[in-house]
Amino acid sequence: MPSLKDLKNRINSVKSTRKITKAMQMVAAAKLRRAEEAAQQARPYADRMNAVMAGLAEKASGSESAPRLLAGTGDDKRHLLVVLTSERGLAGGFNSSIVKLARQTAVKLRGEGKDVTILTVGKKGREQLKRDYSQAFVNHVDMSEVKRLGYEHARDIADDVLDRFETGDFDVATLFYNRFESVISQVPTARQIIPAVIETAEDQEIADSVSAEYDYEPGEEVILAELLPRAVATQIFTALLENAASEQGARMTAMDNATRNAGDMISRLETEYNRSRQAAITKELIEIISGAEAL
């Protein structure tokens, strides 16, 4: 049974931990607001870009001169998994959920006899995948010094991916990240970025307006060749922003739970401390009374 001094030290230690988790929760809440705004502001641009690409791709599909980023290499033997995670932990299951989805995809692809390579962005994903897939790593992007995400960071990652595609390192590239929905809901997402998979715009009016308003010069194939690399960078940038908001939401929730758990532990320890203290006082009184009676 722990002594009163041990219980007191443990209570003070848990109180200090609770102060830290509470502070981290407040910091995450402040960062979440900015990150959520950035993610929401990027979505209309991404939807508009997707609608334009859908219109161009529909006209260029089937053409022999269609860009390789749209038509692909004609094979799907080699796959590149681009795994986006955070540089820091203490964010609940944020990183684990992304890594789990990437690992499931890698196992499935290898089971089909396909080659898998991995490009990691963020330290936590690399750490979790290193044990099973260290031989499959082709590059790592360190984001620890990045204080504010910008398009240039996505552009650098996209350039690396595009260079590898041009040199024939892979046939299909898939992006893994968490899509932000709310503070308590982040959805692990896998999105193929090469060859381009043009999805129908969520707002059908956007797609209709794009096809109705614009005629393209000099031609769809030429414009697609120019826009497709930018579309890849845009998708990566959107994923980075979604990830940033998801990370802060997950960290805020995790630190809130940790603060609550610390409070519950303090209550239990204080109850145990008071009981032990009361038992010690009672024992002393009994000893005093027994000594007095013996006299």
C-alpha atoms as a PDB file:
ATOM      1  CA  MET A   1       0.000   0.000   0.000  1.00  0.00           C
ATOM      2  CA  PRO A   2       1.495   3.397  -0.983  1.00  0.00           C
ATOM      3  CA  SER A   3       2.389   5.830   1.755  1.00  0.00           C
ATOM      4  CA  LEU A   4       0.732   9.208   2.228  1.00  0.00           C
ATOM      5  CA  LYS A   5       3.813  10.904   0.769  1.00  0.00           C
ATOM      6  CA  ASP A   6       3.707   8.684  -2.334  1.00  0.00           C
ATOM      7  CA  LEU A   7       0.011   9.426  -2.853  1.00  0.00           C
ATOM      8  CA  LYS A   8       0.596  13.162  -2.430  1.00  0.00           C
ATOM      9  CA  ASN A   9       3.445  13.109  -4.954  1.00  0.00           C
ATOM     10  CA  ARG A  10       1.320  11.170  -7.423  1.00  0.00           C
ATOM     11  CA  ILE A  11      -1.579  13.612  -7.047  1.00  0.00           C
ATOM     12  CA  ASN A  12       0.747  16.545  -7.717  1.00  0.00           C
ATOM     13  CA  SER A  13       2.217  14.739 -10.739  1.00  0.00           C
ATOM     14  CA  VAL A  14      -1.221  14.061 -12.256  1.00  0.00           C
ATOM     15  CA  LYS A  15      -2.265  17.675 -11.618  1.00  0.00           C
ATOM     16  CA  SER A  16       0.817  18.863 -13.522  1.00  0.00           C
ATOM     17  CA  THR A  17      -0.045  16.506 -16.396  1.00  0.00           C
ATOM     18  CA  ARG A  18      -3.608  17.826 -16.426  1.00  0.00           C
ATOM     19  CA  LYS A  19      -2.313  21.389 -16.791  1.00  0.00           C
ATOM     20  CA  ILE A  20      -0.243  20.315 -19.800  1.00  0.00           C
ATOM     21  CA  THR A  21      -3.095  18.444 -21.519  1.00  0.00           C
ATOM     22  CA  LYS A  22      -5.465  21.357 -20.878  1.00  0.00           C
ATOM     23  CA  ALA A  23      -2.975  23.793 -22.399  1.00  0.00           C
ATOM     24  CA  MET A  24      -2.475  21.505 -25.427  1.00  0.00           C
ATOM     25  CA  GLN A  25      -6.240  21.274 -25.861  1.00  0.00           C
ATOM     26  CA  MET A  26      -6.550  25.076 -25.928  1.00  0.00           C
ATOM     27  CA  VAL A  27      -3.661  25.418 -28.390  1.00  0.00           C
ATOM     28  CA  ALA A  28      -5.204  22.771 -30.664  1.00  0.00           C
ATOM     29  CA  ALA A  29      -8.555  24.571 -30.503  1.00  0.00           C
ATOM     30  CA  ALA A  30      -6.928  27.833 -31.619  1.00  0.00           C
ATOM     31  CA  LYS A  31      -5.029  26.123 -34.451  1.00  0.00           C
ATOM     32  CA  LEU A  32      -8.111  24.145 -35.484  1.00  0.00           C
ATOM     33  CA  ARG A  33     -10.073  27.278 -36.275  1.00  0.00           C
ATOM     34  CA  ARG A  34      -7.443  28.523 -38.721  1.00  0.00           C
ATOM     35  CA  ALA A  35      -6.853  25.075 -40.222  1.00  0.00           C
ATOM     36  CA  GLU A  36     -10.581  24.435 -40.681  1.00  0.00           C
ATOM     37  CA  GLU A  37     -11.048  27.782 -42.403  1.00  0.00           C
ATOM     38  CA  ALA A  38      -8.141  27.046 -44.758  1.00  0.00           C
ATOM     39  CA  ALA A  39      -9.541  23.600 -45.629  1.00  0.00           C
ATOM     40  CA  GLN A  40     -13.032  24.972 -46.270  1.00  0.00           C
ATOM     41  CA  GLN A  41     -11.712  27.812 -48.403  1.00  0.00           C
ATOM     42  CA  ALA A  42      -9.741  25.368 -50.570  1.00  0.00           C
ATOM     43  CA  ARG A  43     -12.721  23.111 -51.311  1.00  0.00           C
ATOM     44  CA  PRO A  44     -14.551  25.428 -53.774  1.00  0.00           C
ATOM     45  CA  TYR A  45     -11.336  25.910 -55.775  1.00  0.00           C
ATOM     46  CA  ALA A  46     -10.733  22.155 -55.847  1.00  0.00           C
ATOM     47  CA  ASP A  47     -14.341  21.509 -56.912  1.00  0.00           C
ATOM     48  CA  ARG A  48     -14.104  24.097 -59.682  1.00  0.00           C
ATOM     49  CA  MET A  49     -10.796  22.691 -60.890  1.00  0.00           C
ATOM     50  CA  ASN A  50     -12.311  19.196 -60.845  1.00  0.00           C
ATOM     51  CA  ALA A  51     -15.298  20.377 -62.873  1.00  0.00           C
ATOM     52  CA  VAL A  52     -13.061  21.981 -65.503  1.00  0.00           C
ATOM     53  CA  MET A  53     -10.916  18.863 -65.668  1.00  0.00           C
ATOM     54  CA  ALA A  54     -14.018  16.666 -65.987  1.00  0.00           C
ATOM     55  CA  GLY A  55     -15.231  18.663 -68.972  1.00  0.00           C
ATOM     56  CA  LEU A  56     -11.864  18.542 -70.681  1.00  0.00           C
ATOM     57  CA  ALA A  57     -11.302  14.861 -69.912  1.00  0.00           C
ATOM     58  CA  GLU A  58     -14.693  13.891 -71.298  1.00  0.00           C
ATOM     59  CA  LYS A  59     -13.822  15.432 -74.655  1.00  0.00           C
ATOM     60  CA  ALA A  60     -10.254  14.117 -74.698  1.00  0.00           C
ATOM     61  CA  SER A  61     -10.958  10.586 -73.443  1.00  0.00           C
ATOM     62  CA  GLY A  62     -10.230   7.893 -75.987  1.00  0.00           C
ATOM     63  CA  SER A  63      -7.962  10.147 -77.996  1.00  0.00           C
ATOM     64  CA  GLU A  64      -4.545   8.737 -78.883  1.00  0.00           C
ATOM     65  CA  SER A  65      -2.998  12.100 -78.042  1.00  0.00           C
ATOM     66  CA  ALA A  66      -4.467  12.221 -74.538  1.00  0.00           C
ATOM     67  CA  PRO A  67      -1.797  13.081 -71.901  1.00  0.00           C
ATOM     68  CA  ARG A  68      -0.209  10.189 -70.021  1.00  0.00           C
ATOM     69  CA  LEU A  69      -1.340  11.671 -66.714  1.00  0.00           C
ATOM     70  CA  LEU A  70      -4.912  11.060 -67.895  1.00  0.00           C
ATOM     71  CA  ALA A  71      -4.524   7.948 -70.014  1.00  0.00           C
ATOM     72  CA  GLY A  72      -1.945   6.247 -67.794  1.00  0.00           C
ATOM     73  CA  THR A  73       0.822   3.921 -68.888  1.00  0.00           C
ATOM     74  CA  GLY A  74      -1.538   1.167 -69.974  1.00  0.00           C
ATOM     75  CA  ASP A  75      -0.566  -0.970 -66.979  1.00  0.00           C
ATOM     76  CA  ASP A  76      -1.160  -1.016 -63.209  1.00  0.00           C
ATOM     77  CA  LYS A  77       1.687  -3.260 -62.117  1.00  0.00           C
ATOM     78  CA  ARG A  78       3.609  -0.678 -60.066  1.00  0.00           C
ATOM     79  CA  HIS A  79       1.889   1.404 -57.388  1.00  0.00           C
ATOM     80  CA  LEU A  80       3.128   4.419 -55.440  1.00  0.00           C
ATOM     81  CA  LEU A  81       1.422   5.118 -52.104  1.00  0.00           C
ATOM     82  CA  VAL A  82       1.758   8.730 -50.927  1.00  0.00           C
ATOM     83  CA  VAL A  83       1.011   8.632 -47.191  1.00  0.00           C
ATOM     84  CA  LEU A  84       0.327  11.997 -45.510  1.00  0.00           C
ATOM     85  CA  THR A  85       0.589  12.037 -41.708  1.00  0.00           C
ATOM     86  CA  SER A  86       1.688  14.469 -39.006  1.00  0.00           C
ATOM     87  CA  GLU A  87       5.086  15.252 -37.549  1.00  0.00           C
ATOM     88  CA  ARG A  88       3.813  15.072 -33.973  1.00  0.00           C
ATOM     89  CA  GLY A  89       1.861  12.586 -31.932  1.00  0.00           C
ATOM     90  CA  LEU A  90      -0.689  12.994 -29.119  1.00  0.00           C
ATOM     91  CA  ALA A  91      -3.496  13.173 -31.671  1.00  0.00           C
ATOM     92  CA  GLY A  92      -5.481  10.066 -30.809  1.00  0.00           C
ATOM     93  CA  GLY A  93      -5.979   7.722 -33.749  1.00  0.00           C
ATOM     94  CA  PHE A  94      -5.322  10.357 -36.412  1.00  0.00           C
ATOM     95  CA  ASN A  95      -2.078   8.889 -37.757  1.00  0.00           C
ATOM     96  CA  SER A  96      -2.970   5.265 -37.077  1.00  0.00           C
ATOM     97  CA  SER A  97      -6.148   5.450 -39.158  1.00  0.00           C
ATOM     98  CA  ILE A  98      -4.246   6.741 -42.214  1.00  0.00           C
ATOM     99  CA  VAL A  99      -1.471   4.176 -41.812  1.00  0.00           C
ATOM    100  CA  LYS A 100      -4.007   1.376 -41.344  1.00  0.00           C
ATOM    101  CA  LEU A 101      -5.711   2.244 -44.637  1.00  0.00           C
ATOM    102  CA  ALA A 102      -2.368   2.484 -46.446  1.00  0.00           C
ATOM    103  CA  ARG A 103      -1.205  -0.829 -44.964  1.00  0.00           C
ATOM    104  CA  GLN A 104      -4.447  -2.569 -46.002  1.00  0.00           C
ATOM    105  CA  THR A 105      -4.026  -1.240 -49.529  1.00  0.00           C
ATOM    106  CA  ALA A 106      -0.380  -2.370 -49.679  1.00  0.00           C
ATOM    107  CA  VAL A 107      -1.288  -5.864 -48.463  1.00  0.00           C
ATOM    108  CA  LYS A 108      -4.076  -6.123 -51.031  1.00  0.00           C
ATOM    109  CA  LEU A 109      -1.860  -4.945 -53.909  1.00  0.00           C
ATOM    110  CA  ARG A 110       1.006  -7.262 -52.963  1.00  0.00           C
ATOM    111  CA  GLY A 111      -1.472 -10.115 -52.699  1.00  0.00           C
ATOM    112  CA  GLU A 112      -2.407  -9.414 -56.323  1.00  0.00           C
ATOM    113  CA  GLY A 113       1.249  -9.663 -57.304  1.00  0.00           C
ATOM    114  CA  LYS A 114       1.833  -5.942 -57.797  1.00  0.00           C
ATOM    115  CA  ASP A 115       4.850  -3.866 -56.797  1.00  0.00           C
ATOM    116  CA  VAL A 116       4.348  -1.292 -54.037  1.00  0.00           C
ATOM    117  CA  THR A 117       6.534   1.699 -53.204  1.00  0.00           C
ATOM    118  CA  ILE A 118       5.821   4.296 -50.531  1.00  0.00           C
ATOM    119  CA  LEU A 119       6.481   8.023 -50.268  1.00  0.00           C
ATOM    120  CA  THR A 120       5.847   9.356 -46.757  1.00  0.00           C
ATOM    121  CA  VAL A 121       5.042  12.910 -45.722  1.00  0.00           C
ATOM    122  CA  GLY A 122       5.286  13.367 -41.958  1.00  0.00           C
ATOM    123  CA  LYS A 123       7.374  11.489 -39.411  1.00  0.00           C
ATOM    124  CA  LYS A 124       4.612   9.519 -37.693  1.00  0.00           C
ATOM    125  CA  GLY A 125       3.525   7.619 -40.784  1.00  0.00           C
ATOM    126  CA  ARG A 126       7.094   6.676 -41.629  1.00  0.00           C
ATOM    127  CA  GLU A 127       7.695   5.411 -38.082  1.00  0.00           C
ATOM    128  CA  GLN A 128       4.627   3.182 -38.167  1.00  0.00           C
ATOM    129  CA  LEU A 129       5.313   1.767 -41.638  1.00  0.00           C
ATOM    130  CA  LYS A 130       9.070   1.339 -41.190  1.00  0.00           C
ATOM    131  CA  ARG A 131       8.978  -2.104 -39.605  1.00  0.00           C
ATOM    132  CA  ASP A 132       7.042  -3.809 -42.427  1.00  0.00           C
ATOM    133  CA  TYR A 133       7.780  -1.625 -45.450  1.00  0.00           C
ATOM    134  CA  SER A 134      11.186  -0.025 -44.970  1.00  0.00           C
ATOM    135  CA  GLN A 135      12.416  -1.657 -48.191  1.00  0.00           C
ATOM    136  CA  ALA A 136       9.547  -0.061 -50.118  1.00  0.00           C
ATOM    137  CA  PHE A 137      10.355   3.539 -49.091  1.00  0.00           C
ATOM    138  CA  VAL A 138      11.442   5.739 -51.999  1.00  0.00           C
ATOM    139  CA  ASN A 139      11.434   9.156 -50.303  1.00  0.00           C
ATOM    140  CA  HIS A 140      10.385  11.073 -47.208  1.00  0.00           C
ATOM    141  CA  VAL A 141       9.230  14.687 -46.925  1.00  0.00           C
ATOM    142  CA  ASP A 142      10.016  16.352 -43.609  1.00  0.00           C
ATOM    143  CA  MET A 143       7.394  18.968 -42.667  1.00  0.00           C
ATOM    144  CA  SER A 144       8.652  19.612 -39.136  1.00  0.00           C
ATOM    145  CA  GLU A 145       9.938  23.095 -39.999  1.00  0.00           C
ATOM    146  CA  VAL A 146       6.748  24.157 -41.792  1.00  0.00           C
ATOM    147  CA  LYS A 147       4.820  26.646 -39.657  1.00  0.00           C
ATOM    148  CA  ARG A 148       2.162  27.536 -42.199  1.00  0.00           C
ATOM    149  CA  LEU A 149       1.146  25.320 -45.107  1.00  0.00           C
ATOM    150  CA  GLY A 150       1.425  26.870 -48.538  1.00  0.00           C
ATOM    151  CA  TYR A 151       0.863  25.774 -52.114  1.00  0.00           C
ATOM    152  CA  GLU A 152       4.622  25.635 -52.634  1.00  0.00           C
ATOM    153  CA  HIS A 153       4.876  22.699 -50.218  1.00  0.00           C
ATOM    154  CA  ALA A 154       2.325  20.741 -52.233  1.00  0.00           C
ATOM    155  CA  ARG A 155       4.070  21.780 -55.443  1.00  0.00           C
ATOM    156  CA  ASP A 156       7.365  20.312 -54.209  1.00  0.00           C
ATOM    157  CA  ILE A 157       5.710  16.987 -53.360  1.00  0.00           C
ATOM    158  CA  ALA A 158       3.858  16.970 -56.685  1.00  0.00           C
ATOM    159  CA  ASP A 159       7.064  17.648 -58.622  1.00  0.00           C
ATOM    160  CA  ASP A 160       8.704  14.660 -56.957  1.00  0.00           C
ATOM    161  CA  VAL A 161       5.741  12.401 -57.771  1.00  0.00           C
ATOM    162  CA  LEU A 162       5.507  13.653 -61.363  1.00  0.00           C
ATOM    163  CA  ASP A 163       9.248  13.189 -61.948  1.00  0.00           C
ATOM    164  CA  ARG A 164       8.983   9.589 -60.768  1.00  0.00           C
ATOM    165  CA  PHE A 165       6.031   9.019 -63.092  1.00  0.00           C
ATOM    166  CA  GLU A 166       7.907  10.450 -66.053  1.00  0.00           C
ATOM    167  CA  THR A 167      10.883   8.171 -65.389  1.00  0.00           C
ATOM    168  CA  GLY A 168       8.589   5.138 -65.215  1.00  0.00           C
ATOM    169  CA  ASP A 169       8.961   4.379 -61.503  1.00  0.00           C
ATOM    170  CA  PHE A 170       5.251   3.621 -61.109  1.00  0.00           C
ATOM    171  CA  ASP A 171       1.990   3.273 -63.025  1.00  0.00           C
ATOM    172  CA  VAL A 172      -0.548   4.335 -60.384  1.00  0.00           C
ATOM    173  CA  ALA A 173      -0.215   6.827 -57.515  1.00  0.00           C
ATOM    174  CA  THR A 174      -2.652   6.953 -54.603  1.00  0.00           C
ATOM    175  CA  LEU A 175      -2.879   9.628 -51.912  1.00  0.00           C
ATOM    176  CA  PHE A 176      -3.733   8.719 -48.294  1.00  0.00           C
ATOM    177  CA  TYR A 177      -4.964  11.332 -45.815  1.00  0.00           C
ATOM    178  CA  ASN A 178      -7.790  12.184 -43.402  1.00  0.00           C
ATOM    179  CA  ARG A 179     -10.697  14.239 -44.688  1.00  0.00           C
ATOM    180  CA  PHE A 180     -11.961  16.670 -42.064  1.00  0.00           C
ATOM    181  CA  GLU A 181     -15.661  16.527 -41.259  1.00  0.00           C
ATOM    182  CA  SER A 182     -15.851  17.711 -37.647  1.00  0.00           C
ATOM    183  CA  VAL A 183     -13.832  17.846 -34.449  1.00  0.00           C
ATOM    184  CA  ILE A 184     -14.801  14.262 -33.637  1.00  0.00           C
ATOM    185  CA  SER A 185     -14.972  12.905 -37.185  1.00  0.00           C
ATOM    186  CA  GLN A 186     -12.026  12.540 -39.569  1.00  0.00           C
ATOM    187  CA  VAL A 187     -12.452  10.105 -42.455  1.00  0.00           C
ATOM    188  CA  PRO A 188      -9.410   8.127 -43.719  1.00  0.00           C
ATOM    189  CA  THR A 189      -9.372   8.620 -47.487  1.00  0.00           C
ATOM    190  CA  ALA A 190      -7.511   7.015 -50.380  1.00  0.00           C
ATOM    191  CA  ARG A 191      -7.558   9.015 -53.615  1.00  0.00           C
ATOM    192  CA  GLN A 192      -5.940   8.056 -56.885  1.00  0.00           C
ATOM    193  CA  ILE A 193      -4.126  11.026 -58.390  1.00  0.00           C
ATOM    194  CA  ILE A 194      -2.223   9.342 -61.266  1.00  0.00           C
ATOM    195  CA  PRO A 195      -3.693   8.460 -63.720  1.00  0.00           C
ATOM    196  CA  ALA A 196      -6.171  11.229 -63.031  1.00  0.00           C
ATOM    197  CA  VAL A 197      -9.580  10.037 -61.884  1.00  0.00           C
ATOM    198  CA  ILE A 198     -11.990  12.806 -62.749  1.00  0.00           C
ATOM    199  CA  GLU A 199     -14.961  12.698 -60.405  1.00  0.00           C
ATOM    200  CA  THR A 200     -18.291  14.334 -61.112  1.00  0.00           C
ATOM    201  CA  ALA A 201     -18.610  17.646 -59.316  1.00  0.00           C
ATOM    202  CA  GLU A 202     -20.779  17.498 -56.185  1.00  0.00           C
ATOM    203  CA  ASP A 203     -22.639  20.550 -57.404  1.00  0.00           C
ATOM    204  CA  GLN A 204     -24.001  19.609 -60.796  1.00  0.00           C
ATOM    205  CA  GLU A 205     -24.606  23.288 -61.590  1.00  0.00           C
ATOM    206  CA  ILE A 206     -20.840  23.854 -61.502  1.00  0.00           C
ATOM    207  CA  ALA A 207     -20.224  21.102 -64.026  1.00  0.00           C
ATOM    208  CA  ASP A 208     -23.034  22.360 -66.267  1.00  0.00           C
ATOM    209  CA  SER A 209     -21.803  25.956 -66.130  1.00  0.00           C
ATOM    210  CA  VAL A 210     -18.248  24.929 -67.010  1.00  0.00           C
ATOM    211  CA  SER A 211     -19.328  22.960 -70.048  1.00  0.00           C
ATOM    212  CA  ALA A 212     -21.764  25.680 -71.100  1.00  0.00           C
ATOM    213  CA  GLU A 213     -19.545  28.731 -70.703  1.00  0.00           C
ATOM    214  CA  TYR A 214     -16.197  27.755 -72.164  1.00  0.00           C
ATOM    215  CA  ASP A 215     -14.764  26.759 -75.506  1.00  0.00           C
ATOM    216  CA  TYR A 216     -11.121  25.738 -75.305  1.00  0.00           C
ATOM    217  CA  GLU A 217      -8.302  26.893 -77.523  1.00  0.00           C
ATOM    218  CA  PRO A 218      -6.028  25.477 -78.916  1.00  0.00           C
ATOM    219  CA  GLY A 219      -7.478  22.101 -77.885  1.00  0.00           C
ATOM    220  CA  GLU A 220      -8.481  19.893 -74.987  1.00  0.00           C
ATOM    221  CA  GLU A 221      -5.367  17.712 -75.120  1.00  0.00           C
ATOM    222  CA  VAL A 222      -2.975  20.670 -75.036  1.00  0.00           C
ATOM    223  CA  ILE A 223      -4.792  22.349 -72.159  1.00  0.00           C
ATOM    224  CA  LEU A 224      -5.030  19.085 -70.245  1.00  0.00           C
ATOM    225  CA  ALA A 225      -1.282  18.553 -70.570  1.00  0.00           C
ATOM    226  CA  GLU A 226      -0.819  21.942 -68.884  1.00  0.00           C
ATOM    227  CA  LEU A 227      -3.538  21.595 -66.251  1.00  0.00           C
ATOM    228  CA  LEU A 228      -3.032  17.989 -65.145  1.00  0.00           C
ATOM    229  CA  PRO A 229       0.260  18.593 -63.260  1.00  0.00           C
ATOM    230  CA  ARG A 230      -1.363  21.579 -61.579  1.00  0.00           C
ATOM    231  CA  ALA A 231      -4.374  19.429 -60.708  1.00  0.00           C
ATOM    232  CA  VAL A 232      -2.088  16.886 -59.025  1.00  0.00           C
ATOM    233  CA  ALA A 233      -0.514  19.648 -56.933  1.00  0.00           C
ATOM    234  CA  THR A 234      -3.975  21.022 -56.107  1.00  0.00           C
ATOM    235  CA  GLN A 235      -5.155  17.612 -54.906  1.00  0.00           C
ATOM    236  CA  ILE A 236      -2.072  17.229 -52.721  1.00  0.00           C
ATOM    237  CA  PHE A 237      -2.490  20.750 -51.324  1.00  0.00           C
ATOM    238  CA  THR A 238      -6.150  20.089 -50.533  1.00  0.00           C
ATOM    239  CA  ALA A 239      -5.181  16.819 -48.813  1.00  0.00           C
ATOM    240  CA  LEU A 240      -2.520  18.621 -46.744  1.00  0.00           C
ATOM    241  CA  LEU A 241      -5.071  21.217 -45.609  1.00  0.00           C
ATOM    242  CA  GLU A 242      -7.644  18.543 -44.790  1.00  0.00           C
ATOM    243  CA  ASN A 243      -4.972  16.663 -42.848  1.00  0.00           C
ATOM    244  CA  ALA A 244      -3.956  19.773 -40.912  1.00  0.00           C
ATOM    245  CA  ALA A 245      -7.537  20.426 -39.803  1.00  0.00           C
ATOM    246  CA  SER A 246      -8.060  16.736 -38.984  1.00  0.00           C
ATOM    247  CA  GLU A 247      -4.865  16.628 -36.924  1.00  0.00           C
ATOM    248  CA  GLN A 248      -5.875  19.579 -34.759  1.00  0.00           C
ATOM    249  CA  GLY A 249      -9.412  18.240 -34.347  1.00  0.00           C
ATOM    250  CA  ALA A 250      -8.096  14.829 -33.302  1.00  0.00           C
ATOM    251  CA  ARG A 251      -5.539  16.384 -30.937  1.00  0.00           C
ATOM    252  CA  MET A 252      -8.163  18.631 -29.368  1.00  0.00           C
ATOM    253  CA  THR A 253     -10.423  15.627 -28.728  1.00  0.00           C
ATOM    254  CA  ALA A 254      -7.554  13.478 -27.427  1.00  0.00           C
ATOM    255  CA  MET A 255      -6.326  16.174 -25.031  1.00  0.00           C
ATOM    256  CA  ASP A 256      -9.862  16.837 -23.806  1.00  0.00           C
ATOM    257  CA  ASN A 257     -10.252  13.135 -23.011  1.00  0.00           C
ATOM    258  CA  ALA A 258      -6.826  13.102 -21.329  1.00  0.00           C
ATOM    259  CA  THR A 259      -7.776  16.126 -19.193  1.00  0.00           C
ATOM    260  CA  ARG A 260     -11.019  14.465 -18.119  1.00  0.00           C
ATOM    261  CA  ASN A 261      -9.224  11.215 -17.319  1.00  0.00           C
ATOM    262  CA  ALA A 262      -6.630  13.100 -15.278  1.00  0.00           C
ATOM    263  CA  GLY A 263      -9.418  14.753 -13.288  1.00  0.00           C
ATOM    264  CA  ASP A 264     -11.014  11.371 -12.579  1.00  0.00           C
ATOM    265  CA  MET A 265      -7.649   9.949 -11.508  1.00  0.00           C
ATOM    266  CA  ILE A 266      -7.039  12.903  -9.183  1.00  0.00           C
ATOM    267  CA  SER A 267     -10.443  12.340  -7.573  1.00  0.00           C
ATOM    268  CA  ARG A 268      -9.680   8.651  -6.996  1.00  0.00           C
ATOM    269  CA  LEU A 269      -6.216   9.388  -5.619  1.00  0.00           C
ATOM    270  CA  GLU A 270      -7.530  12.098  -3.296  1.00  0.00           C
ATOM    271  CA  THR A 271     -10.172   9.686  -2.002  1.00  0.00           C
ATOM    272  CA  GLU A 272      -7.496   7.061  -1.385  1.00  0.00           C
ATOM    273  CA  TYR A 273      -5.256   9.660   0.252  1.00  0.00           C
ATOM    274  CA  ASN A 274      -8.019  10.824   2.602  1.00  0.00           C
ATOM    275  CA  ARG A 275      -8.891   7.247   3.549  1.00  0.00           C
ATOM    276  CA  SER A 276      -5.239   6.416   4.220  1.00  0.00           C
ATOM    277  CA  ARG A 277      -4.810   9.608   6.242  1.00  0.00           C
ATOM    278  CA  GLN A 278      -7.949   8.866   8.235  1.00  0.00           C
ATOM    279  CA  ALA A 279      -6.764   5.297   8.861  1.00  0.00           C
ATOM    280  CA  ALA A 280      -3.381   6.594  10.069  1.00  0.00           C
ATOM    281  CA  ILE A 281      -5.046   9.073  12.446  1.00  0.00           C
ATOM    282  CA  THR A 282      -7.382   6.401  13.763  1.00  0.00           C
ATOM    283  CA  LYS A 283      -4.448   4.053  14.316  1.00  0.00           C
ATOM    284  CA  GLU A 284      -2.563   6.744  16.261  1.00  0.00           C
ATOM    285  CA  LEU A 285      -5.627   7.452  18.421  1.00  0.00           C
ATOM    286  CA  ILE A 286      -6.038   3.767  19.170  1.00  0.00           C
ATOM    287  CA  GLU A 287      -2.379   3.532  20.162  1.00  0.00           C
ATOM    288  CA  ILE A 288      -2.706   6.599  22.436  1.00  0.00           C
ATOM    289  CA  ILE A 289      -5.884   5.286  24.096  1.00  0.00           C
ATOM    290  CA  SER A 290      -4.395   1.827  24.506  1.00  0.00           C
ATOM    291  CA  GLY A 291      -1.297   3.321  26.113  1.00  0.00           C
ATOM    292  CA  ALA A 292      -3.394   5.461  28.466  1.00  0.00           C
ATOM    293  CA  GLU A 293      -5.468   2.443  29.532  1.00  0.00           C
ATOM    294  CA  ALA A 294      -2.333   0.425  30.145  1.00  0.00           C
ATOM    295  CA  LEU A 295      -1.168   3.077  32.643  1.00  0.00           C
END
